[in-house]
């Protein structure tokens, strides 16, 4: 019997209804229509907050990937440096736009080479991306993996890249991560509050980790996030960078950067970046 992974997140993260979900994505597309598209064929980095905050930037990344892959590798996170990587064991994942097939053959291969724990817990890093993947890459299978915030994420990504090349699978890789979580809600107020703190997050903390990501320095992505709390899922970013540079990418492109403050001003806010490779 087919094992189905059900939606975990409550309504409000993204639309529950199929038509509403399509309409929301198409609204994001229309809001991005003046942006040059089709810039990448390897993958990208997307934010993973609720769509109200992250949807426009995430859509922009998916719009700018011109490859129609057989497989979408999606790296999530929300794991510490000491956590084991997590992998799903279901056959399909439910979305408002229909089920997405999980590539069980690849999973069966990779778990022979790398130890994963079973991903038994609901988490937004991967789930909020699935309707976008179903919409933009409707015939693709997915490989959902949550990577730890350590250099082990780089090793896993590079091993996976070898396996997929050996199998001659046409794939892209998506890394799902938000950036600095700043303010009293997050217990992070090292630079005070107000405009000065916002400018530090935007022009220093987030800018530095984005620069490492677009300059293909996966190791520095992990290091910066560990020291400066600049990403909640740094392993996901590092994993995409590691694969992209193995595929010959020399530099990524930052498509858009915003904070939740730009959308809903508050003394606590989060950074979001859309990067394409």
Protein backbone atom coordinates (compact mmCIF):
# COMPACT_ATOMS: atom_id res chain seq x y z
CA UNK A 1 0.00 0.00 0.00
CA UNK A 2 1.24 3.50 -0.89
CA UNK A 3 2.48 5.50 2.09
CA UNK A 4 1.28 9.10 1.98
CA UNK A 5 2.94 11.89 3.95
CA UNK A 6 0.16 14.25 4.99
CA UNK A 7 0.19 18.00 5.34
CA UNK A 8 1.38 19.00 8.79
CA UNK A 9 1.21 22.79 8.84
CA UNK A 10 -2.09 24.49 9.73
CA UNK A 11 -3.92 26.71 7.29
CA UNK A 12 -2.31 30.13 7.15
CA UNK A 13 1.14 28.94 6.15
CA UNK A 14 -0.08 28.46 2.59
CA UNK A 15 -3.52 27.94 1.00
CA UNK A 16 -5.25 24.64 1.65
CA UNK A 17 -7.55 24.74 -1.38
CA UNK A 18 -6.19 23.80 -4.83
CA UNK A 19 -7.63 26.79 -6.69
CA UNK A 20 -6.60 29.23 -3.97
CA UNK A 21 -3.11 27.76 -3.96
CA UNK A 22 -2.72 28.14 -7.74
CA UNK A 23 -4.13 31.67 -7.60
CA UNK A 24 -1.69 32.66 -4.87
CA UNK A 25 1.28 31.35 -6.84
CA UNK A 26 0.08 33.12 -9.98
CA UNK A 27 -0.32 36.34 -7.99
CA UNK A 28 3.32 36.00 -6.93
CA UNK A 29 4.31 35.38 -10.56
CA UNK A 30 2.50 38.53 -11.69
CA UNK A 31 4.18 40.59 -8.96
CA UNK A 32 7.55 39.29 -10.21
CA UNK A 33 6.85 39.59 -13.95
CA UNK A 34 9.20 42.53 -14.52
CA UNK A 35 12.14 40.47 -13.28
CA UNK A 36 14.31 38.76 -15.90
CA UNK A 37 13.66 35.03 -15.73
CA UNK A 38 15.45 31.78 -16.63
CA UNK A 39 18.81 32.59 -15.08
CA UNK A 40 19.73 29.23 -13.53
CA UNK A 41 19.68 25.51 -14.20
CA UNK A 42 21.26 24.07 -11.04
CA UNK A 43 19.03 25.23 -8.20
CA UNK A 44 18.59 27.92 -5.59
CA UNK A 45 18.05 29.08 -2.04
CA UNK A 46 14.53 29.99 -0.92
CA UNK A 47 12.98 31.26 2.33
CA UNK A 48 10.46 29.13 4.21
CA UNK A 49 8.26 31.39 6.33
CA UNK A 50 4.54 31.47 5.68
CA UNK A 51 3.77 32.51 2.13
CA UNK A 52 2.56 35.97 3.22
CA UNK A 53 6.18 36.73 4.08
CA UNK A 54 8.23 34.40 1.88
CA UNK A 55 6.06 33.46 -1.10
CA UNK A 56 7.02 36.22 -3.52
CA UNK A 57 10.76 35.63 -3.08
CA UNK A 58 10.40 31.84 -3.27
CA UNK A 59 8.35 32.15 -6.46
CA UNK A 60 11.01 34.38 -8.00
CA UNK A 61 13.63 31.68 -7.49
CA UNK A 62 11.46 28.96 -9.04
CA UNK A 63 10.66 31.26 -11.98
CA UNK A 64 14.38 31.70 -12.61
CA UNK A 65 15.22 28.00 -12.93
CA UNK A 66 14.97 27.02 -16.57
CA UNK A 67 15.66 23.28 -16.25
CA UNK A 68 12.74 20.86 -16.13
CA UNK A 69 14.24 18.21 -13.87
CA UNK A 70 13.40 14.59 -13.30
CA UNK A 71 14.18 15.12 -9.63
CA UNK A 72 14.05 18.05 -7.24
CA UNK A 73 16.40 17.57 -4.29
CA UNK A 74 15.11 19.73 -1.47
CA UNK A 75 17.27 20.36 1.55
CA UNK A 76 15.49 21.51 4.69
CA UNK A 77 16.89 22.14 8.10
CA UNK A 78 15.94 23.32 11.58
CA UNK A 79 18.57 20.90 12.90
CA UNK A 80 21.50 21.57 15.20
CA UNK A 81 25.11 20.81 14.37
CA UNK A 82 24.95 17.56 16.36
CA UNK A 83 21.70 16.25 14.87
CA UNK A 84 21.59 13.37 12.44
CA UNK A 85 20.34 14.15 8.92
CA UNK A 86 16.72 13.22 8.36
CA UNK A 87 15.08 11.54 5.37
CA UNK A 88 11.47 10.65 4.67
CA UNK A 89 10.25 7.11 4.17
CA UNK A 90 6.86 7.70 2.56
CA UNK A 91 6.12 7.15 -1.14
CA UNK A 92 4.31 10.41 -1.89
CA UNK A 93 3.78 13.77 -0.20
CA UNK A 94 0.37 15.44 -0.15
CA UNK A 95 0.00 19.01 -1.46
CA UNK A 96 -3.07 21.11 -2.38
CA UNK A 97 -2.07 20.66 -6.04
CA UNK A 98 -1.87 16.88 -5.82
CA UNK A 99 0.58 14.32 -4.55
CA UNK A 100 4.29 14.52 -5.34
CA UNK A 101 6.14 11.25 -5.80
CA UNK A 102 9.15 10.75 -3.54
CA UNK A 103 12.04 9.03 -5.30
CA UNK A 104 12.27 5.84 -3.28
CA UNK A 105 14.94 4.34 -5.56
CA UNK A 106 17.37 7.16 -4.81
CA UNK A 107 16.53 7.02 -1.11
CA UNK A 108 17.21 3.28 -1.03
CA UNK A 109 20.63 3.95 -2.62
CA UNK A 110 21.70 6.90 -0.48
CA UNK A 111 20.82 5.25 2.84
CA UNK A 112 23.27 2.46 1.99
CA UNK A 113 26.07 5.05 1.97
CA UNK A 114 24.99 7.57 4.60
CA UNK A 115 23.20 7.14 7.91
CA UNK A 116 19.92 9.04 8.16
CA UNK A 117 17.31 9.08 10.88
CA UNK A 118 13.70 8.86 9.78
CA UNK A 119 12.02 12.25 9.43
CA UNK A 120 8.97 11.67 11.59
CA UNK A 121 8.25 15.27 12.59
CA UNK A 122 6.35 17.98 10.82
CA UNK A 123 8.49 20.93 9.75
CA UNK A 124 7.96 23.93 7.51
CA UNK A 125 11.36 24.05 5.81
CA UNK A 126 10.36 21.49 3.20
CA UNK A 127 6.57 21.50 3.34
CA UNK A 128 6.03 25.13 2.33
CA UNK A 129 8.07 24.51 -0.85
CA UNK A 130 6.06 21.56 -2.10
CA UNK A 131 3.17 23.41 -3.81
CA UNK A 132 5.74 25.55 -5.68
CA UNK A 133 7.58 22.43 -6.81
CA UNK A 134 4.33 20.78 -7.91
CA UNK A 135 3.32 23.93 -9.81
CA UNK A 136 6.63 24.68 -11.56
CA UNK A 137 7.95 21.11 -11.98
CA UNK A 138 4.75 19.09 -12.14
CA UNK A 139 6.32 15.88 -13.46
CA UNK A 140 9.31 15.83 -11.12
CA UNK A 141 9.90 13.50 -8.21
CA UNK A 142 11.36 14.89 -5.00
CA UNK A 143 14.11 13.87 -2.63
CA UNK A 144 13.41 15.60 0.72
CA UNK A 145 16.33 15.67 3.17
CA UNK A 146 16.89 17.77 6.27
CA UNK A 147 20.54 18.57 6.82
CA UNK A 148 22.29 19.44 10.10
CA UNK A 149 23.91 22.83 10.63
CA UNK A 150 27.41 21.46 10.30
CA UNK A 151 30.04 20.73 7.66
CA UNK A 152 28.58 17.25 7.50
CA UNK A 153 25.86 18.82 5.34
CA UNK A 154 28.52 19.53 2.71
CA UNK A 155 29.80 15.95 2.78
CA UNK A 156 26.27 14.55 2.41
CA UNK A 157 25.47 16.89 -0.48
CA UNK A 158 28.66 16.00 -2.33
CA UNK A 159 28.03 12.27 -1.87
CA UNK A 160 24.49 12.69 -3.14
CA UNK A 161 25.75 14.58 -6.19
CA UNK A 162 28.05 11.66 -7.06
CA UNK A 163 25.20 9.19 -6.75
CA UNK A 164 22.84 11.23 -8.92
CA UNK A 165 25.50 11.72 -11.60
CA UNK A 166 26.20 7.98 -11.59
CA UNK A 167 22.49 7.37 -12.15
CA UNK A 168 22.41 10.04 -14.88
CA UNK A 169 19.46 11.79 -13.24
CA UNK A 170 18.61 15.33 -14.36
CA UNK A 171 18.09 17.22 -11.10
CA UNK A 172 18.03 20.58 -9.38
CA UNK A 173 18.68 21.33 -5.73
CA UNK A 174 16.70 23.68 -3.53
CA UNK A 175 17.97 24.84 -0.13
CA UNK A 176 15.30 26.13 2.25
CA UNK A 177 16.47 28.57 4.91
CA UNK A 178 15.49 31.86 6.49
CA UNK A 179 18.25 34.18 7.65
CA UNK A 180 18.75 36.17 10.86
CA UNK A 181 15.94 35.89 13.42
CA UNK A 182 16.38 39.11 15.36
CA UNK A 183 14.56 40.74 18.28
CA UNK A 184 13.11 39.88 21.68
CA UNK A 185 10.88 37.15 20.26
CA UNK A 186 14.03 35.26 19.28
CA UNK A 187 16.21 36.19 22.26
CA UNK A 188 18.67 37.95 19.96
CA UNK A 189 19.16 41.67 20.65
CA UNK A 190 22.95 42.04 20.45
CA UNK A 191 22.64 45.31 18.52
CA UNK A 192 19.77 46.82 20.45
CA UNK A 193 16.43 47.56 18.83
CA UNK A 194 14.97 49.93 16.29
CA UNK A 195 16.41 51.16 13.00
CA UNK A 196 20.04 50.61 13.99
CA UNK A 197 19.41 46.93 14.70
CA UNK A 198 17.47 46.50 11.47
CA UNK A 199 20.27 48.06 9.43
CA UNK A 200 22.85 45.80 11.13
CA UNK A 201 20.86 42.69 10.26
CA UNK A 202 20.33 43.77 6.65
CA UNK A 203 23.70 45.31 5.84
CA UNK A 204 26.03 43.20 7.99
CA UNK A 205 24.76 39.91 9.35
CA UNK A 206 22.53 38.81 6.49
CA UNK A 207 24.74 40.41 3.84
CA UNK A 208 27.79 38.49 5.00
CA UNK A 209 26.15 35.06 4.84
CA UNK A 210 24.51 35.90 1.50
CA UNK A 211 27.92 36.90 0.13
CA UNK A 212 29.37 33.55 1.23
CA UNK A 213 26.46 31.76 -0.44
CA UNK A 214 26.73 33.56 -3.78
CA UNK A 215 30.52 33.21 -3.76
CA UNK A 216 30.22 29.43 -3.34
CA UNK A 217 31.81 29.18 0.10
CA UNK A 218 29.73 26.47 1.74
CA UNK A 219 32.13 26.11 4.66
CA UNK A 220 31.89 29.81 5.53
CA UNK A 221 28.08 29.63 5.34
CA UNK A 222 28.11 27.05 8.14
CA UNK A 223 30.76 28.93 10.14
CA UNK A 224 29.04 32.31 9.87
CA UNK A 225 25.64 30.96 10.87
CA UNK A 226 27.16 29.12 13.83
CA UNK A 227 28.97 32.18 15.15
CA UNK A 228 26.49 34.91 14.19
CA UNK A 229 23.05 33.21 14.21
CA UNK A 230 22.59 34.34 10.61
CA UNK A 231 20.54 31.37 9.34
CA UNK A 232 18.14 28.88 10.86
CA UNK A 233 19.02 26.12 8.37
CA UNK A 234 22.57 26.79 7.28
CA UNK A 235 23.11 23.15 6.29
CA UNK A 236 20.44 23.54 3.60
CA UNK A 237 22.21 26.55 2.10
CA UNK A 238 25.62 24.88 2.32
CA UNK A 239 24.26 21.73 0.70
CA UNK A 240 23.03 23.62 -2.37
CA UNK A 241 26.29 25.55 -2.64
CA UNK A 242 28.32 22.33 -2.35
CA UNK A 243 26.43 20.65 -5.18
CA UNK A 244 26.39 23.77 -7.36
CA UNK A 245 30.15 24.22 -7.21
CA UNK A 246 30.70 20.53 -8.02
CA UNK A 247 28.57 21.16 -11.11
CA UNK A 248 30.84 24.01 -12.17
CA UNK A 249 28.95 27.04 -10.84
CA UNK A 250 31.35 29.87 -10.01
CA UNK A 251 28.89 32.38 -8.60
CA UNK A 252 25.27 32.54 -7.56
CA UNK A 253 22.86 35.42 -8.20
CA UNK A 254 20.94 37.17 -5.44
CA UNK A 255 17.50 37.81 -6.90
CA UNK A 256 15.87 39.53 -3.95
CA UNK A 257 16.36 40.20 -0.25
CA UNK A 258 13.83 41.47 2.27
CA UNK A 259 13.01 41.17 5.93
CA UNK A 260 9.66 40.52 7.53
CA UNK A 261 9.95 44.11 8.83
CA UNK A 262 9.52 45.31 5.23
CA UNK A 263 6.20 43.50 5.11
CA UNK A 264 5.01 43.89 8.71
CA UNK A 265 7.12 46.24 10.86
CA UNK A 266 7.89 44.80 14.29
CA UNK A 267 10.69 44.84 16.84
CA UNK A 268 11.28 41.16 16.00
CA UNK A 269 11.93 40.24 12.37
CA UNK A 270 13.50 37.68 10.02
CA UNK A 271 15.63 37.97 6.88
CA UNK A 272 14.72 36.29 3.57
CA UNK A 273 16.89 35.80 0.48
CA UNK A 274 16.25 34.31 -2.95
CA UNK A 275 19.38 33.04 -4.69
CA UNK A 276 19.69 31.16 -7.95
CA UNK A 277 22.57 29.05 -9.33
